[in-house]
Amino acid sequence: MSPIRTTLRRAGLVAGLTSAAVLAAAGAAFAHVTVRPESYAKGATDGVLTFRVPNEEDTASTTKVQVYLPTDHPVLGVLVTPQEGWTAQVTTTKLKTPVKTDDGSITEAVSEITWTGGRIRHGEYQDFNVAFGQLPDDVDQLTFKTLQTYSDGKVVRWIEEAEQGGEEPENPAPVLTLTAKTAADSEESTSSTSDSASAAESSTSSSDSTARGLGIAGLVVGVLGLLAAGFALVRARAARS
């Protein structure tokens, strides 16, 4: 065999092994339970988290999903979206440290959501949507440990946390990254405040204009009344003459 053919053959073998490794890694990642989107701004309000649960078993179906929400940095105002075929049970826990909000102190928060009754079969996945009122602003990430139970009794514990700079664990927990608020967020807040102030100024200006208009109208009516009275007096005198 010529050197060129040998080189080409080795290159093809390396490319094939690399592709296989990439596909295997992608398949493994797809089999993980994940949360979407992958990041939110700290203190974000009125958003939705989607927990994607794929079935990684060939001969069993997923019949139960348990997602644990952190309570040291709680997610406030959690609401569960109705999921056809599934029943959601929400568990709340009393917080060690109440969270102060504009509406008062929050002393309880959702700590666990369990979905049962449905089935995720081989080659399928299910999205579970969870709405929230507000995310914490004093932490860089939230970890949602998850248990996935199969119809054959097997339980996969997606609870491992990756160490900084280390490799991804075999059963990683879904992680939501919390980023610092951007300038756009601040500008939006400032713009909203400015709009409110402008609206108030516009309302005040409109009230002043209305008052001036009413005052002028009153003067005009008064002048017309005086003119009418004078004209009537002149006619009366002329009639007597």
Protein backbone atom coordinates (compact mmCIF):
# COMPACT_ATOMS: atom_id res chain seq x y z
CA MET A 1 0.00 0.00 0.00
CA SER A 2 1.35 3.44 -0.95
CA PRO A 3 2.20 6.04 1.74
CA ILE A 4 -0.55 8.35 0.43
CA ARG A 5 -3.22 5.65 0.77
CA THR A 6 -1.96 4.78 4.26
CA THR A 7 -2.14 8.44 5.33
CA LEU A 8 -5.65 8.84 3.90
CA ARG A 9 -6.79 5.66 5.62
CA ARG A 10 -5.42 6.83 9.00
CA ALA A 11 -7.04 10.25 8.52
CA GLY A 12 -10.38 8.60 7.76
CA LEU A 13 -10.09 6.39 10.84
CA VAL A 14 -9.31 9.37 13.08
CA ALA A 15 -12.22 11.35 11.61
CA GLY A 16 -14.56 8.41 12.15
CA LEU A 17 -13.50 7.97 15.76
CA THR A 18 -13.84 11.70 16.40
CA SER A 19 -17.33 11.77 14.91
CA ALA A 20 -18.36 8.78 16.98
CA ALA A 21 -17.06 10.45 20.13
CA VAL A 22 -18.91 13.68 19.33
CA LEU A 23 -22.15 11.82 18.64
CA ALA A 24 -21.78 9.80 21.83
CA ALA A 25 -21.23 12.97 23.84
CA ALA A 26 -24.21 14.64 22.20
CA GLY A 27 -26.35 11.58 22.91
CA ALA A 28 -25.28 11.55 26.54
CA ALA A 29 -26.02 15.26 26.90
CA PHE A 30 -29.42 14.85 25.31
CA ALA A 31 -30.25 12.13 27.83
CA HIS A 32 -29.73 14.54 30.71
CA VAL A 33 -32.55 16.38 32.45
CA THR A 34 -32.02 20.08 31.71
CA VAL A 35 -33.60 23.46 32.45
CA ARG A 36 -34.28 26.02 29.74
CA PRO A 37 -33.33 28.73 29.19
CA GLU A 38 -29.83 28.16 30.52
CA SER A 39 -29.63 31.63 32.08
CA TYR A 40 -31.72 34.49 33.43
CA ALA A 41 -30.85 37.90 34.86
CA LYS A 42 -30.60 38.13 38.62
CA GLY A 43 -33.90 39.20 40.16
CA ALA A 44 -35.78 38.53 36.91
CA THR A 45 -39.56 38.64 37.23
CA ASP A 46 -42.51 37.00 35.49
CA GLY A 47 -40.64 34.31 33.56
CA VAL A 48 -40.91 30.61 32.73
CA LEU A 49 -38.53 27.72 33.39
CA THR A 50 -38.86 24.60 31.24
CA PHE A 51 -37.57 21.29 32.58
CA ARG A 52 -36.88 18.92 29.68
CA VAL A 53 -36.97 15.24 30.63
CA PRO A 54 -35.88 12.70 27.98
CA ASN A 55 -36.28 8.91 28.30
CA GLU A 56 -32.90 7.17 28.23
CA GLU A 57 -34.18 3.62 28.77
CA ASP A 58 -34.95 1.20 25.94
CA THR A 59 -37.42 -1.04 27.76
CA ALA A 60 -39.08 1.26 30.32
CA SER A 61 -41.05 4.50 30.40
CA THR A 62 -40.61 7.49 32.69
CA THR A 63 -43.62 7.64 35.00
CA LYS A 64 -42.56 10.13 37.68
CA VAL A 65 -40.48 13.31 37.76
CA GLN A 66 -39.49 15.14 40.95
CA VAL A 67 -37.84 18.56 40.76
CA TYR A 68 -36.43 20.10 43.94
CA LEU A 69 -36.21 23.89 44.13
CA PRO A 70 -33.60 25.55 46.37
CA THR A 71 -34.91 27.18 49.55
CA ASP A 72 -31.72 28.95 50.64
CA HIS A 73 -32.20 31.20 47.60
CA PRO A 74 -35.90 30.60 46.86
CA VAL A 75 -37.81 31.10 43.65
CA LEU A 76 -40.89 33.17 44.45
CA GLY A 77 -44.39 33.01 43.00
CA VAL A 78 -44.08 29.52 41.46
CA LEU A 79 -46.99 28.35 39.30
CA VAL A 80 -47.28 25.01 37.47
CA THR A 81 -48.63 24.81 33.94
CA PRO A 82 -51.29 22.08 33.49
CA GLN A 83 -49.75 19.19 31.54
CA GLU A 84 -52.04 16.81 29.66
CA GLY A 85 -51.84 13.33 31.15
CA TRP A 86 -49.80 14.47 34.14
CA THR A 87 -50.77 15.52 37.66
CA ALA A 88 -48.55 18.00 39.48
CA GLN A 89 -48.17 18.06 43.25
CA VAL A 90 -46.55 21.19 44.70
CA THR A 91 -44.85 21.15 48.10
CA THR A 92 -44.05 24.36 49.99
CA THR A 93 -41.55 24.83 52.80
CA LYS A 94 -41.19 27.48 55.49
CA LEU A 95 -38.11 29.58 54.80
CA LYS A 96 -35.38 29.91 57.42
CA THR A 97 -34.92 33.52 56.37
CA PRO A 98 -38.01 35.38 55.07
CA VAL A 99 -37.61 37.27 51.81
CA LYS A 100 -38.59 40.93 51.87
CA THR A 101 -40.55 42.20 48.86
CA ASP A 102 -42.56 45.30 47.99
CA ASP A 103 -45.68 43.38 49.00
CA GLY A 104 -44.30 42.30 52.37
CA SER A 105 -42.20 39.42 53.73
CA ILE A 106 -42.43 35.98 52.10
CA THR A 107 -42.13 33.19 54.67
CA GLU A 108 -42.86 30.15 52.46
CA ALA A 109 -41.72 29.01 49.02
CA VAL A 110 -42.11 25.99 46.74
CA SER A 111 -39.47 23.36 47.50
CA GLU A 112 -40.62 20.43 45.33
CA ILE A 113 -42.79 19.72 42.30
CA THR A 114 -43.75 16.12 41.49
CA TRP A 115 -45.36 15.07 38.21
CA THR A 116 -47.06 11.66 37.97
CA GLY A 117 -49.67 9.89 35.86
CA GLY A 118 -48.09 10.31 32.44
CA ARG A 119 -45.55 8.29 30.46
CA ILE A 120 -42.42 9.28 28.56
CA ARG A 121 -41.58 6.39 26.25
CA HIS A 122 -38.33 5.39 24.59
CA GLY A 123 -37.20 8.00 22.07
CA GLU A 124 -39.45 10.69 23.57
CA TYR A 125 -39.07 13.63 25.93
CA GLN A 126 -41.45 15.81 27.93
CA ASP A 127 -41.26 19.52 28.74
CA PHE A 128 -42.61 20.65 32.12
CA ASN A 129 -43.20 24.41 32.33
CA VAL A 130 -42.97 26.29 35.62
CA ALA A 131 -43.76 30.01 35.85
CA PHE A 132 -42.12 32.18 38.49
CA GLY A 133 -42.78 35.61 39.94
CA GLN A 134 -39.21 36.49 40.88
CA LEU A 135 -35.75 34.91 40.90
CA PRO A 136 -33.20 35.64 43.65
CA ASP A 137 -30.64 38.36 43.05
CA ASP A 138 -28.00 37.30 45.60
CA VAL A 139 -26.62 34.15 43.96
CA ASP A 140 -24.90 33.24 40.67
CA GLN A 141 -26.73 30.01 39.88
CA LEU A 142 -29.62 27.81 40.95
CA THR A 143 -29.40 24.01 41.07
CA PHE A 144 -32.58 21.99 40.61
CA LYS A 145 -31.89 18.44 41.76
CA THR A 146 -34.20 16.00 39.95
CA LEU A 147 -35.29 12.37 40.38
CA GLN A 148 -36.54 10.43 37.33
CA THR A 149 -38.49 7.24 38.04
CA TYR A 150 -39.12 4.53 35.42
CA SER A 151 -41.90 2.00 35.05
CA ASP A 152 -39.52 -0.84 36.02
CA GLY A 153 -38.75 0.85 39.35
CA LYS A 154 -35.38 2.29 38.37
CA VAL A 155 -34.67 5.80 39.72
CA VAL A 156 -32.08 8.06 38.09
CA ARG A 157 -30.86 10.77 40.45
CA TRP A 158 -29.88 13.92 38.56
CA ILE A 159 -28.31 15.53 41.62
CA GLU A 160 -24.56 15.80 40.97
CA GLU A 161 -23.05 19.28 40.83
CA ALA A 162 -20.06 19.97 38.61
CA GLU A 163 -16.95 21.41 40.23
CA GLN A 164 -15.62 24.64 38.79
CA GLY A 165 -13.20 23.80 36.02
CA GLY A 166 -13.91 20.08 36.35
CA GLU A 167 -15.55 17.58 34.02
CA GLU A 168 -19.31 17.17 33.83
CA PRO A 169 -20.50 14.49 36.27
CA GLU A 170 -22.32 11.37 35.10
CA ASN A 171 -25.71 12.49 36.42
CA PRO A 172 -25.59 16.31 36.50
CA ALA A 173 -28.39 18.30 38.10
CA PRO A 174 -30.11 20.96 35.97
CA VAL A 175 -28.45 24.33 36.60
CA LEU A 176 -29.76 27.83 35.86
CA THR A 177 -27.10 30.53 35.58
CA LEU A 178 -28.04 33.94 36.98
CA THR A 179 -26.31 36.85 35.27
CA ALA A 180 -25.84 40.46 36.33
CA LYS A 181 -28.46 42.91 35.14
CA THR A 182 -27.47 44.53 31.86
CA ALA A 183 -27.49 48.23 30.96
CA ALA A 184 -30.54 47.51 28.82
CA ASP A 185 -32.44 46.32 31.91
CA SER A 186 -31.48 49.52 33.76
CA GLU A 187 -32.42 51.68 30.78
CA GLU A 188 -35.75 49.93 30.52
CA SER A 189 -36.43 50.59 34.19
CA THR A 190 -35.33 54.24 33.83
CA SER A 191 -37.42 54.61 30.69
CA SER A 192 -40.44 53.25 32.51
CA THR A 193 -39.91 55.74 35.35
CA SER A 194 -39.44 58.60 32.88
CA ASP A 195 -42.58 57.62 31.03
CA SER A 196 -44.53 57.67 34.29
CA ALA A 197 -43.13 61.10 35.17
CA SER A 198 -43.91 62.42 31.68
CA ALA A 199 -47.43 61.07 31.96
CA ALA A 200 -47.86 62.81 35.31
CA GLU A 201 -46.49 66.09 33.90
CA SER A 202 -48.74 65.76 30.87
CA SER A 203 -51.72 65.18 33.14
CA THR A 204 -50.82 68.24 35.26
CA SER A 205 -50.33 70.39 32.14
CA SER A 206 -53.64 69.20 30.77
CA SER A 207 -55.37 70.09 34.07
CA ASP A 208 -53.78 73.57 34.05
CA SER A 209 -54.86 74.14 30.46
CA THR A 210 -58.40 73.06 31.28
CA ALA A 211 -58.52 75.42 34.25
CA ARG A 212 -57.28 78.32 32.14
CA GLY A 213 -59.83 77.52 29.45
CA LEU A 214 -62.67 77.48 31.96
CA GLY A 215 -61.49 80.78 33.44
CA ILE A 216 -61.37 82.48 30.03
CA ALA A 217 -64.78 81.08 29.13
CA GLY A 218 -66.17 82.49 32.38
CA LEU A 219 -64.77 85.95 31.61
CA VAL A 220 -66.23 85.87 28.10
CA VAL A 221 -69.64 84.89 29.44
CA GLY A 222 -69.44 87.69 32.02
CA VAL A 223 -68.54 90.31 29.39
CA LEU A 224 -71.35 89.16 27.12
CA GLY A 225 -73.75 89.40 30.06
CA LEU A 226 -72.68 92.99 30.79
CA LEU A 227 -73.05 93.93 27.13
CA ALA A 228 -76.53 92.41 27.00
CA ALA A 229 -77.55 94.26 30.16
CA GLY A 230 -76.23 97.57 28.79
CA PHE A 231 -78.04 97.07 25.50
CA ALA A 232 -81.30 96.33 27.33
CA LEU A 233 -80.89 99.47 29.47
CA VAL A 234 -80.30 101.66 26.40
CA ARG A 235 -83.41 100.25 24.68
CA ALA A 236 -85.52 100.88 27.79
CA ARG A 237 -84.45 104.50 28.02
CA ALA A 238 -85.09 105.01 24.31
CA ALA A 239 -88.59 103.57 24.67
CA ARG A 240 -89.44 105.97 27.56
CA SER A 241 -88.20 108.94 25.52
